[in-house]
Amino acid sequence: MARSRVGVVLLVPSPIDREIDALRRAVGDGTYGRVPAHLTLVPPVNVREDRFDDALALLREAAGATRPFSVELGAPTTFLPDNPVLYLPVTAGADAVAAARDRVFKDPLARPLTWPFVPHVTVADEISPDRIMAAQQALSAFHVGIEVDRFHLLEEGPGRVWGPIADFAFAAPAVIGRGGIPVELTVTEQTDPSADGFLRQRREPVTVTARRDGRVVGVARGWADGQAAQLTDVVVADGEHALGTDDHLVAAFDSWAAKRGVWRHAGDG
């Protein structure tokens, strides 16, 4: 059976990711350009095709129980003599990172570990001790804070390049419905893979997904720039129009756009 090689991470947000990538390039990190700057929660694990939806459901549930938090990264240190890795330690927010990790490190994403879990951002892996010591001395004053607001699911592609295929915002999902029939709405930066299968179209910058009992019953997609918002797709399952699911999807999109100071073109949707 087909398997996907995935990992769960907290991506370092822009522009700090570019700053850390500059450090990675300077010290000769072998994964620079193939793996984005991140804090690992679940290291690479193979997930069977028939368990992939279970993994997505686990991440949605974990994200719904997590709230945005701050993390501070300190000056580079190393796992030597056990492991020749140069990394940025989490100097504040480690408990929040560990709690987030505990929520996602479960079947089908859990796997045996070679090393104990230590929250960190890797700067370089398998470099010489001399280069590690030089980097520590040169960057002894390094310190940066970041805000974390979602999980990202990374997947390994050709050339061992890892990229995000889904994000899971730290917020309780909105639950709406009529007649005691609940619908769950989640807002993501990337199209949820299960929602992408529902639409079978290209991903768009923002997607609002409605679920009932774990089943996708509606999807709205669109984008926003500095001038306006555009709602490109609103698709719902049979019977959902009468329940107002399409209206809720449009309202959730409008709310997302309004937070960015833009509004939907008249006649969209």
C-alpha atoms as a PDB file:
ATOM      1  CA  MET A   1       0.000   0.000   0.000  1.00  0.00           C
ATOM      2  CA  ALA A   2       1.210   3.505  -0.833  1.00  0.00           C
ATOM      3  CA  ARG A   3       2.723   5.570   1.953  1.00  0.00           C
ATOM      4  CA  SER A   4       3.448   9.254   2.451  1.00  0.00           C
ATOM      5  CA  ARG A   5       6.583  10.354   4.298  1.00  0.00           C
ATOM      6  CA  VAL A   6       5.502  13.277   6.440  1.00  0.00           C
ATOM      7  CA  GLY A   7       6.456  15.284   9.506  1.00  0.00           C
ATOM      8  CA  VAL A   8       4.681  17.739  11.788  1.00  0.00           C
ATOM      9  CA  VAL A   9       6.411  21.024  12.542  1.00  0.00           C
ATOM     10  CA  LEU A  10       6.069  24.581  13.757  1.00  0.00           C
ATOM     11  CA  LEU A  11       7.376  26.614  10.840  1.00  0.00           C
ATOM     12  CA  VAL A  12       9.461  29.672  11.707  1.00  0.00           C
ATOM     13  CA  PRO A  13       7.422  32.625  10.398  1.00  0.00           C
ATOM     14  CA  SER A  14       8.653  35.298   8.026  1.00  0.00           C
ATOM     15  CA  PRO A  15      10.894  37.299   8.208  1.00  0.00           C
ATOM     16  CA  ILE A  16      12.718  35.355  10.941  1.00  0.00           C
ATOM     17  CA  ASP A  17      12.848  32.271   8.708  1.00  0.00           C
ATOM     18  CA  ARG A  18      15.054  34.165   6.243  1.00  0.00           C
ATOM     19  CA  GLU A  19      17.369  35.235   9.061  1.00  0.00           C
ATOM     20  CA  ILE A  20      17.771  31.650  10.233  1.00  0.00           C
ATOM     21  CA  ASP A  21      18.204  30.408   6.659  1.00  0.00           C
ATOM     22  CA  ALA A  22      21.080  32.869   6.288  1.00  0.00           C
ATOM     23  CA  LEU A  23      22.728  31.253   9.314  1.00  0.00           C
ATOM     24  CA  ARG A  24      22.134  27.792   7.857  1.00  0.00           C
ATOM     25  CA  ARG A  25      23.722  28.747   4.565  1.00  0.00           C
ATOM     26  CA  ALA A  26      26.701  30.382   6.281  1.00  0.00           C
ATOM     27  CA  VAL A  27      27.557  27.279   8.332  1.00  0.00           C
ATOM     28  CA  GLY A  28      26.967  24.858   5.465  1.00  0.00           C
ATOM     29  CA  ASP A  29      23.759  23.125   6.510  1.00  0.00           C
ATOM     30  CA  GLY A  30      23.196  20.212   4.146  1.00  0.00           C
ATOM     31  CA  THR A  31      19.419  20.594   4.293  1.00  0.00           C
ATOM     32  CA  TYR A  32      19.407  24.297   3.394  1.00  0.00           C
ATOM     33  CA  GLY A  33      17.071  24.815   0.436  1.00  0.00           C
ATOM     34  CA  ARG A  34      15.402  21.433   0.972  1.00  0.00           C
ATOM     35  CA  VAL A  35      13.787  21.872   4.386  1.00  0.00           C
ATOM     36  CA  PRO A  36      12.251  25.116   5.725  1.00  0.00           C
ATOM     37  CA  ALA A  37      13.335  26.476   9.121  1.00  0.00           C
ATOM     38  CA  HIS A  38      11.194  24.799  11.759  1.00  0.00           C
ATOM     39  CA  LEU A  39      10.741  23.236  15.180  1.00  0.00           C
ATOM     40  CA  THR A  40      10.117  19.513  14.773  1.00  0.00           C
ATOM     41  CA  LEU A  41       7.204  17.963  16.652  1.00  0.00           C
ATOM     42  CA  VAL A  42       6.931  14.687  14.731  1.00  0.00           C
ATOM     43  CA  PRO A  43      10.096  13.651  12.858  1.00  0.00           C
ATOM     44  CA  PRO A  44       9.773  11.927   9.468  1.00  0.00           C
ATOM     45  CA  VAL A  45       7.267   9.094   9.637  1.00  0.00           C
ATOM     46  CA  ASN A  46       5.644   6.929   6.964  1.00  0.00           C
ATOM     47  CA  VAL A  47       1.847   7.068   6.975  1.00  0.00           C
ATOM     48  CA  ARG A  48      -0.152   4.530   4.973  1.00  0.00           C
ATOM     49  CA  GLU A  49      -2.640   5.862   2.455  1.00  0.00           C
ATOM     50  CA  ASP A  50      -5.542   4.338   4.385  1.00  0.00           C
ATOM     51  CA  ARG A  51      -4.449   6.173   7.575  1.00  0.00           C
ATOM     52  CA  PHE A  52      -3.792   9.583   6.007  1.00  0.00           C
ATOM     53  CA  ASP A  53      -7.252  10.956   6.806  1.00  0.00           C
ATOM     54  CA  ASP A  54      -6.785   9.759  10.393  1.00  0.00           C
ATOM     55  CA  ALA A  55      -3.572  11.777  10.593  1.00  0.00           C
ATOM     56  CA  LEU A  56      -5.351  14.885   9.284  1.00  0.00           C
ATOM     57  CA  ALA A  57      -8.172  14.433  11.789  1.00  0.00           C
ATOM     58  CA  LEU A  58      -5.640  14.100  14.618  1.00  0.00           C
ATOM     59  CA  LEU A  59      -3.960  17.351  13.590  1.00  0.00           C
ATOM     60  CA  ARG A  60      -7.266  19.219  13.329  1.00  0.00           C
ATOM     61  CA  GLU A  61      -8.269  18.030  16.796  1.00  0.00           C
ATOM     62  CA  ALA A  62      -4.866  18.946  18.257  1.00  0.00           C
ATOM     63  CA  ALA A  63      -4.934  22.396  16.653  1.00  0.00           C
ATOM     64  CA  GLY A  64      -8.431  23.012  18.036  1.00  0.00           C
ATOM     65  CA  ALA A  65      -7.098  22.357  21.556  1.00  0.00           C
ATOM     66  CA  THR A  66      -4.064  24.634  21.127  1.00  0.00           C
ATOM     67  CA  ARG A  67      -3.838  28.414  21.239  1.00  0.00           C
ATOM     68  CA  PRO A  68      -1.168  30.699  19.702  1.00  0.00           C
ATOM     69  CA  PHE A  69       1.926  31.128  21.854  1.00  0.00           C
ATOM     70  CA  SER A  70       5.313  32.833  21.875  1.00  0.00           C
ATOM     71  CA  VAL A  71       8.694  31.124  21.609  1.00  0.00           C
ATOM     72  CA  GLU A  72      12.124  32.591  22.213  1.00  0.00           C
ATOM     73  CA  LEU A  73      15.190  31.124  20.526  1.00  0.00           C
ATOM     74  CA  GLY A  74      18.624  31.597  22.048  1.00  0.00           C
ATOM     75  CA  ALA A  75      22.233  31.474  20.888  1.00  0.00           C
ATOM     76  CA  PRO A  76      23.323  28.342  18.990  1.00  0.00           C
ATOM     77  CA  THR A  77      24.353  25.303  20.980  1.00  0.00           C
ATOM     78  CA  THR A  78      25.045  21.672  20.117  1.00  0.00           C
ATOM     79  CA  PHE A  79      24.158  18.084  20.916  1.00  0.00           C
ATOM     80  CA  LEU A  80      27.840  17.126  20.897  1.00  0.00           C
ATOM     81  CA  PRO A  81      29.374  14.779  21.851  1.00  0.00           C
ATOM     82  CA  ASP A  82      26.315  12.626  21.118  1.00  0.00           C
ATOM     83  CA  ASN A  83      25.250  14.226  17.840  1.00  0.00           C
ATOM     84  CA  PRO A  84      27.075  16.798  15.624  1.00  0.00           C
ATOM     85  CA  VAL A  85      24.101  19.171  15.351  1.00  0.00           C
ATOM     86  CA  LEU A  86      24.144  22.956  15.723  1.00  0.00           C
ATOM     87  CA  TYR A  87      20.779  24.273  16.858  1.00  0.00           C
ATOM     88  CA  LEU A  88      18.898  27.212  18.355  1.00  0.00           C
ATOM     89  CA  PRO A  89      17.475  26.207  21.746  1.00  0.00           C
ATOM     90  CA  VAL A  90      14.022  27.217  22.918  1.00  0.00           C
ATOM     91  CA  THR A  91      14.772  29.477  25.884  1.00  0.00           C
ATOM     92  CA  ALA A  92      11.152  30.467  26.570  1.00  0.00           C
ATOM     93  CA  GLY A  93       7.945  28.739  25.573  1.00  0.00           C
ATOM     94  CA  ALA A  94       9.372  25.214  25.808  1.00  0.00           C
ATOM     95  CA  ASP A  95       6.429  23.992  27.898  1.00  0.00           C
ATOM     96  CA  ALA A  96       3.952  25.203  25.262  1.00  0.00           C
ATOM     97  CA  VAL A  97       5.972  23.500  22.517  1.00  0.00           C
ATOM     98  CA  ALA A  98       6.079  20.258  24.495  1.00  0.00           C
ATOM     99  CA  ALA A  99       2.334  20.381  25.137  1.00  0.00           C
ATOM    100  CA  ALA A 100       1.659  20.949  21.426  1.00  0.00           C
ATOM    101  CA  ARG A 101       3.951  18.070  20.585  1.00  0.00           C
ATOM    102  CA  ASP A 102       2.163  15.736  22.997  1.00  0.00           C
ATOM    103  CA  ARG A 103      -1.126  16.453  21.202  1.00  0.00           C
ATOM    104  CA  VAL A 104       0.193  15.369  17.791  1.00  0.00           C
ATOM    105  CA  PHE A 105       2.647  12.611  18.692  1.00  0.00           C
ATOM    106  CA  LYS A 106      -0.010   9.909  18.547  1.00  0.00           C
ATOM    107  CA  ASP A 107      -1.036   7.092  16.218  1.00  0.00           C
ATOM    108  CA  PRO A 108      -0.740   7.197  13.204  1.00  0.00           C
ATOM    109  CA  LEU A 109       1.969   9.868  13.543  1.00  0.00           C
ATOM    110  CA  ALA A 110       3.861   8.483  16.547  1.00  0.00           C
ATOM    111  CA  ARG A 111       7.095   6.594  15.879  1.00  0.00           C
ATOM    112  CA  PRO A 112      10.099   5.279  17.817  1.00  0.00           C
ATOM    113  CA  LEU A 113      12.683   7.975  18.547  1.00  0.00           C
ATOM    114  CA  THR A 114      16.466   7.792  18.482  1.00  0.00           C
ATOM    115  CA  TRP A 115      16.887  10.813  20.760  1.00  0.00           C
ATOM    116  CA  PRO A 116      14.729  12.364  23.510  1.00  0.00           C
ATOM    117  CA  PHE A 117      12.518  15.260  22.440  1.00  0.00           C
ATOM    118  CA  VAL A 118      14.262  18.641  22.821  1.00  0.00           C
ATOM    119  CA  PRO A 119      12.469  21.704  21.370  1.00  0.00           C
ATOM    120  CA  HIS A 120      14.845  23.435  18.964  1.00  0.00           C
ATOM    121  CA  VAL A 121      15.455  24.819  15.480  1.00  0.00           C
ATOM    122  CA  THR A 122      18.246  23.004  13.654  1.00  0.00           C
ATOM    123  CA  VAL A 123      20.859  25.289  12.082  1.00  0.00           C
ATOM    124  CA  ALA A 124      23.139  22.561  10.719  1.00  0.00           C
ATOM    125  CA  ASP A 125      23.330  18.801  10.880  1.00  0.00           C
ATOM    126  CA  GLU A 126      26.480  16.665  10.711  1.00  0.00           C
ATOM    127  CA  ILE A 127      29.069  19.436  10.489  1.00  0.00           C
ATOM    128  CA  SER A 128      32.543  19.368  12.003  1.00  0.00           C
ATOM    129  CA  PRO A 129      33.044  20.198  15.698  1.00  0.00           C
ATOM    130  CA  ASP A 130      35.382  23.054  14.694  1.00  0.00           C
ATOM    131  CA  ARG A 131      32.657  24.733  12.646  1.00  0.00           C
ATOM    132  CA  ILE A 132      30.167  24.212  15.449  1.00  0.00           C
ATOM    133  CA  MET A 133      32.481  25.889  17.964  1.00  0.00           C
ATOM    134  CA  ALA A 134      33.192  28.783  15.591  1.00  0.00           C
ATOM    135  CA  ALA A 135      29.475  29.372  15.001  1.00  0.00           C
ATOM    136  CA  GLN A 136      28.756  29.302  18.729  1.00  0.00           C
ATOM    137  CA  GLN A 137      31.398  31.950  19.371  1.00  0.00           C
ATOM    138  CA  ALA A 138      30.315  34.163  16.477  1.00  0.00           C
ATOM    139  CA  LEU A 139      26.608  33.995  17.378  1.00  0.00           C
ATOM    140  CA  SER A 140      26.831  34.033  21.170  1.00  0.00           C
ATOM    141  CA  ALA A 141      24.538  37.096  21.356  1.00  0.00           C
ATOM    142  CA  PHE A 142      21.866  35.706  19.037  1.00  0.00           C
ATOM    143  CA  HIS A 143      18.325  35.890  20.369  1.00  0.00           C
ATOM    144  CA  VAL A 144      14.967  36.122  18.617  1.00  0.00           C
ATOM    145  CA  GLY A 145      11.300  35.727  19.456  1.00  0.00           C
ATOM    146  CA  ILE A 146       8.620  34.224  17.230  1.00  0.00           C
ATOM    147  CA  GLU A 147       4.857  33.773  17.376  1.00  0.00           C
ATOM    148  CA  VAL A 148       3.448  30.331  16.634  1.00  0.00           C
ATOM    149  CA  ASP A 149      -0.178  29.984  15.534  1.00  0.00           C
ATOM    150  CA  ARG A 150      -0.498  26.692  13.633  1.00  0.00           C
ATOM    151  CA  PHE A 151       0.838  23.231  12.907  1.00  0.00           C
ATOM    152  CA  HIS A 152       2.202  22.482   9.445  1.00  0.00           C
ATOM    153  CA  LEU A 153       2.254  19.043   7.874  1.00  0.00           C
ATOM    154  CA  LEU A 154       5.342  18.618   5.693  1.00  0.00           C
ATOM    155  CA  GLU A 155       5.730  15.959   3.031  1.00  0.00           C
ATOM    156  CA  GLU A 156       8.930  14.699   1.460  1.00  0.00           C
ATOM    157  CA  GLY A 157       9.056  15.088  -2.311  1.00  0.00           C
ATOM    158  CA  PRO A 158      11.563  14.314  -5.058  1.00  0.00           C
ATOM    159  CA  GLY A 159      15.150  15.146  -4.217  1.00  0.00           C
ATOM    160  CA  ARG A 160      14.365  14.850  -0.484  1.00  0.00           C
ATOM    161  CA  VAL A 161      12.752  18.281  -0.595  1.00  0.00           C
ATOM    162  CA  TRP A 162      10.233  18.866   2.181  1.00  0.00           C
ATOM    163  CA  GLY A 163       7.326  21.277   1.790  1.00  0.00           C
ATOM    164  CA  PRO A 164       4.090  22.083   3.617  1.00  0.00           C
ATOM    165  CA  ILE A 165       0.961  20.393   2.296  1.00  0.00           C
ATOM    166  CA  ALA A 166      -1.464  21.473   5.040  1.00  0.00           C
ATOM    167  CA  ASP A 167      -1.734  23.883   7.975  1.00  0.00           C
ATOM    168  CA  PHE A 168      -3.876  23.674  11.101  1.00  0.00           C
ATOM    169  CA  ALA A 169      -4.551  26.956  12.890  1.00  0.00           C
ATOM    170  CA  PHE A 170      -4.546  27.060  16.675  1.00  0.00           C
ATOM    171  CA  ALA A 171      -8.191  27.885  17.270  1.00  0.00           C
ATOM    172  CA  ALA A 172     -11.347  26.077  18.200  1.00  0.00           C
ATOM    173  CA  PRO A 173     -13.308  25.405  14.993  1.00  0.00           C
ATOM    174  CA  ALA A 174     -16.491  27.369  14.477  1.00  0.00           C
ATOM    175  CA  VAL A 175     -19.487  25.076  14.819  1.00  0.00           C
ATOM    176  CA  ILE A 176     -22.720  26.207  13.198  1.00  0.00           C
ATOM    177  CA  GLY A 177     -25.895  24.541  12.010  1.00  0.00           C
ATOM    178  CA  ARG A 178     -29.639  24.519  11.947  1.00  0.00           C
ATOM    179  CA  GLY A 179     -32.053  22.029  13.435  1.00  0.00           C
ATOM    180  CA  GLY A 180     -29.394  20.507  15.676  1.00  0.00           C
ATOM    181  CA  ILE A 181     -27.226  19.432  12.711  1.00  0.00           C
ATOM    182  CA  PRO A 182     -23.765  20.847  13.456  1.00  0.00           C
ATOM    183  CA  VAL A 183     -21.248  21.888  10.807  1.00  0.00           C
ATOM    184  CA  GLU A 184     -17.609  22.561  11.682  1.00  0.00           C
ATOM    185  CA  LEU A 185     -15.743  25.361   9.873  1.00  0.00           C
ATOM    186  CA  THR A 186     -11.953  25.620   9.796  1.00  0.00           C
ATOM    187  CA  VAL A 187      -9.909  28.339   8.068  1.00  0.00           C
ATOM    188  CA  THR A 188      -6.501  27.404   6.636  1.00  0.00           C
ATOM    189  CA  GLU A 189      -3.753  29.025   4.597  1.00  0.00           C
ATOM    190  CA  GLN A 190      -3.477  25.979   2.356  1.00  0.00           C
ATOM    191  CA  THR A 191      -6.229  23.725   1.116  1.00  0.00           C
ATOM    192  CA  ASP A 192      -6.711  20.835   3.513  1.00  0.00           C
ATOM    193  CA  PRO A 193      -5.785  17.685   1.550  1.00  0.00           C
ATOM    194  CA  SER A 194      -9.223  16.188   2.204  1.00  0.00           C
ATOM    195  CA  ALA A 195     -10.868  19.419   1.030  1.00  0.00           C
ATOM    196  CA  ASP A 196      -8.586  19.445  -1.991  1.00  0.00           C
ATOM    197  CA  GLY A 197      -9.851  16.002  -2.869  1.00  0.00           C
ATOM    198  CA  PHE A 198     -13.404  17.245  -2.434  1.00  0.00           C
ATOM    199  CA  LEU A 199     -12.890  19.999  -4.976  1.00  0.00           C
ATOM    200  CA  ARG A 200     -10.228  18.275  -7.126  1.00  0.00           C
ATOM    201  CA  GLN A 201      -8.843  21.608  -8.185  1.00  0.00           C
ATOM    202  CA  ARG A 202      -5.749  23.683  -7.574  1.00  0.00           C
ATOM    203  CA  ARG A 203      -5.037  25.024  -4.124  1.00  0.00           C
ATOM    204  CA  GLU A 204      -5.770  28.648  -3.371  1.00  0.00           C
ATOM    205  CA  PRO A 205      -4.272  30.943  -0.707  1.00  0.00           C
ATOM    206  CA  VAL A 206      -7.225  30.517   1.669  1.00  0.00           C
ATOM    207  CA  THR A 207      -9.774  27.756   2.092  1.00  0.00           C
ATOM    208  CA  VAL A 208     -12.765  27.501   4.434  1.00  0.00           C
ATOM    209  CA  THR A 209     -13.917  23.915   4.960  1.00  0.00           C
ATOM    210  CA  ALA A 210     -17.230  22.758   6.447  1.00  0.00           C
ATOM    211  CA  ARG A 211     -17.448  19.270   7.980  1.00  0.00           C
ATOM    212  CA  ARG A 212     -20.204  17.250   9.550  1.00  0.00           C
ATOM    213  CA  ASP A 213     -19.215  14.151  11.527  1.00  0.00           C
ATOM    214  CA  GLY A 214     -15.762  14.390   9.991  1.00  0.00           C
ATOM    215  CA  ARG A 215     -17.099  14.431   6.414  1.00  0.00           C
ATOM    216  CA  VAL A 216     -16.477  17.396   4.103  1.00  0.00           C
ATOM    217  CA  VAL A 217     -19.831  18.938   3.149  1.00  0.00           C
ATOM    218  CA  GLY A 218     -18.691  22.289   1.753  1.00  0.00           C
ATOM    219  CA  VAL A 219     -15.662  24.290   0.662  1.00  0.00           C
ATOM    220  CA  ALA A 220     -15.089  27.963  -0.140  1.00  0.00           C
ATOM    221  CA  ARG A 221     -11.840  29.169  -1.694  1.00  0.00           C
ATOM    222  CA  GLY A 222     -10.451  32.548  -2.570  1.00  0.00           C
ATOM    223  CA  TRP A 223      -7.627  35.012  -2.199  1.00  0.00           C
ATOM    224  CA  ALA A 224      -6.856  38.509  -1.048  1.00  0.00           C
ATOM    225  CA  ASP A 225      -4.227  41.058  -1.980  1.00  0.00           C
ATOM    226  CA  GLY A 226      -3.594  44.572  -0.728  1.00  0.00           C
ATOM    227  CA  GLN A 227      -6.589  45.936  -2.622  1.00  0.00           C
ATOM    228  CA  ALA A 228      -9.460  43.477  -2.447  1.00  0.00           C
ATOM    229  CA  ALA A 229     -10.598  39.927  -1.758  1.00  0.00           C
ATOM    230  CA  GLN A 230     -11.866  37.481  -4.344  1.00  0.00           C
ATOM    231  CA  LEU A 231     -14.065  34.503  -3.557  1.00  0.00           C
ATOM    232  CA  THR A 232     -13.394  32.010  -6.325  1.00  0.00           C
ATOM    233  CA  ASP A 233     -15.304  28.871  -5.264  1.00  0.00           C
ATOM    234  CA  VAL A 234     -18.232  27.973  -3.041  1.00  0.00           C
ATOM    235  CA  VAL A 235     -19.185  24.305  -3.332  1.00  0.00           C
ATOM    236  CA  VAL A 236     -21.533  22.445  -0.985  1.00  0.00           C
ATOM    237  CA  ALA A 237     -22.953  18.939  -0.892  1.00  0.00           C
ATOM    238  CA  ASP A 238     -26.563  18.168  -1.813  1.00  0.00           C
ATOM    239  CA  GLY A 239     -28.988  19.445   0.810  1.00  0.00           C
ATOM    240  CA  GLU A 240     -26.538  21.898   2.371  1.00  0.00           C
ATOM    241  CA  HIS A 241     -28.055  24.995   0.709  1.00  0.00           C
ATOM    242  CA  ALA A 242     -31.231  24.514   2.740  1.00  0.00           C
ATOM    243  CA  LEU A 243     -29.156  24.344   5.930  1.00  0.00           C
ATOM    244  CA  GLY A 244     -27.356  27.595   5.135  1.00  0.00           C
ATOM    245  CA  THR A 245     -23.897  26.034   4.939  1.00  0.00           C
ATOM    246  CA  ASP A 246     -22.996  28.069   1.849  1.00  0.00           C
ATOM    247  CA  ASP A 247     -23.918  31.321   3.654  1.00  0.00           C
ATOM    248  CA  HIS A 248     -21.695  30.373   6.586  1.00  0.00           C
ATOM    249  CA  LEU A 249     -18.788  29.604   4.262  1.00  0.00           C
ATOM    250  CA  VAL A 250     -19.121  33.003   2.579  1.00  0.00           C
ATOM    251  CA  ALA A 251     -19.369  34.763   5.961  1.00  0.00           C
ATOM    252  CA  ALA A 252     -16.222  32.993   7.178  1.00  0.00           C
ATOM    253  CA  PHE A 253     -14.375  34.084   4.026  1.00  0.00           C
ATOM    254  CA  ASP A 254     -15.571  37.688   4.501  1.00  0.00           C
ATOM    255  CA  SER A 255     -14.349  37.626   8.109  1.00  0.00           C
ATOM    256  CA  TRP A 256     -10.918  36.356   6.988  1.00  0.00           C
ATOM    257  CA  ALA A 257     -10.710  39.129   4.378  1.00  0.00           C
ATOM    258  CA  ALA A 258     -11.852  41.849   6.783  1.00  0.00           C
ATOM    259  CA  LYS A 259      -9.037  40.961   9.197  1.00  0.00           C
ATOM    260  CA  ARG A 260      -6.659  41.854   6.354  1.00  0.00           C
ATOM    261  CA  GLY A 261      -8.388  45.176   5.723  1.00  0.00           C
ATOM    262  CA  VAL A 262      -9.925  44.155   2.383  1.00  0.00           C
ATOM    263  CA  TRP A 263     -13.394  43.256   1.173  1.00  0.00           C
ATOM    264  CA  ARG A 264     -14.916  40.948  -1.382  1.00  0.00           C
ATOM    265  CA  HIS A 265     -15.792  42.283  -4.824  1.00  0.00           C
ATOM    266  CA  ALA A 266     -19.494  42.976  -5.244  1.00  0.00           C
ATOM    267  CA  GLY A 267     -21.203  40.035  -6.926  1.00  0.00           C
ATOM    268  CA  ASP A 268     -18.640  37.421  -5.809  1.00  0.00           C
ATOM    269  CA  GLY A 269     -19.832  34.184  -4.301  1.00  0.00           C
END
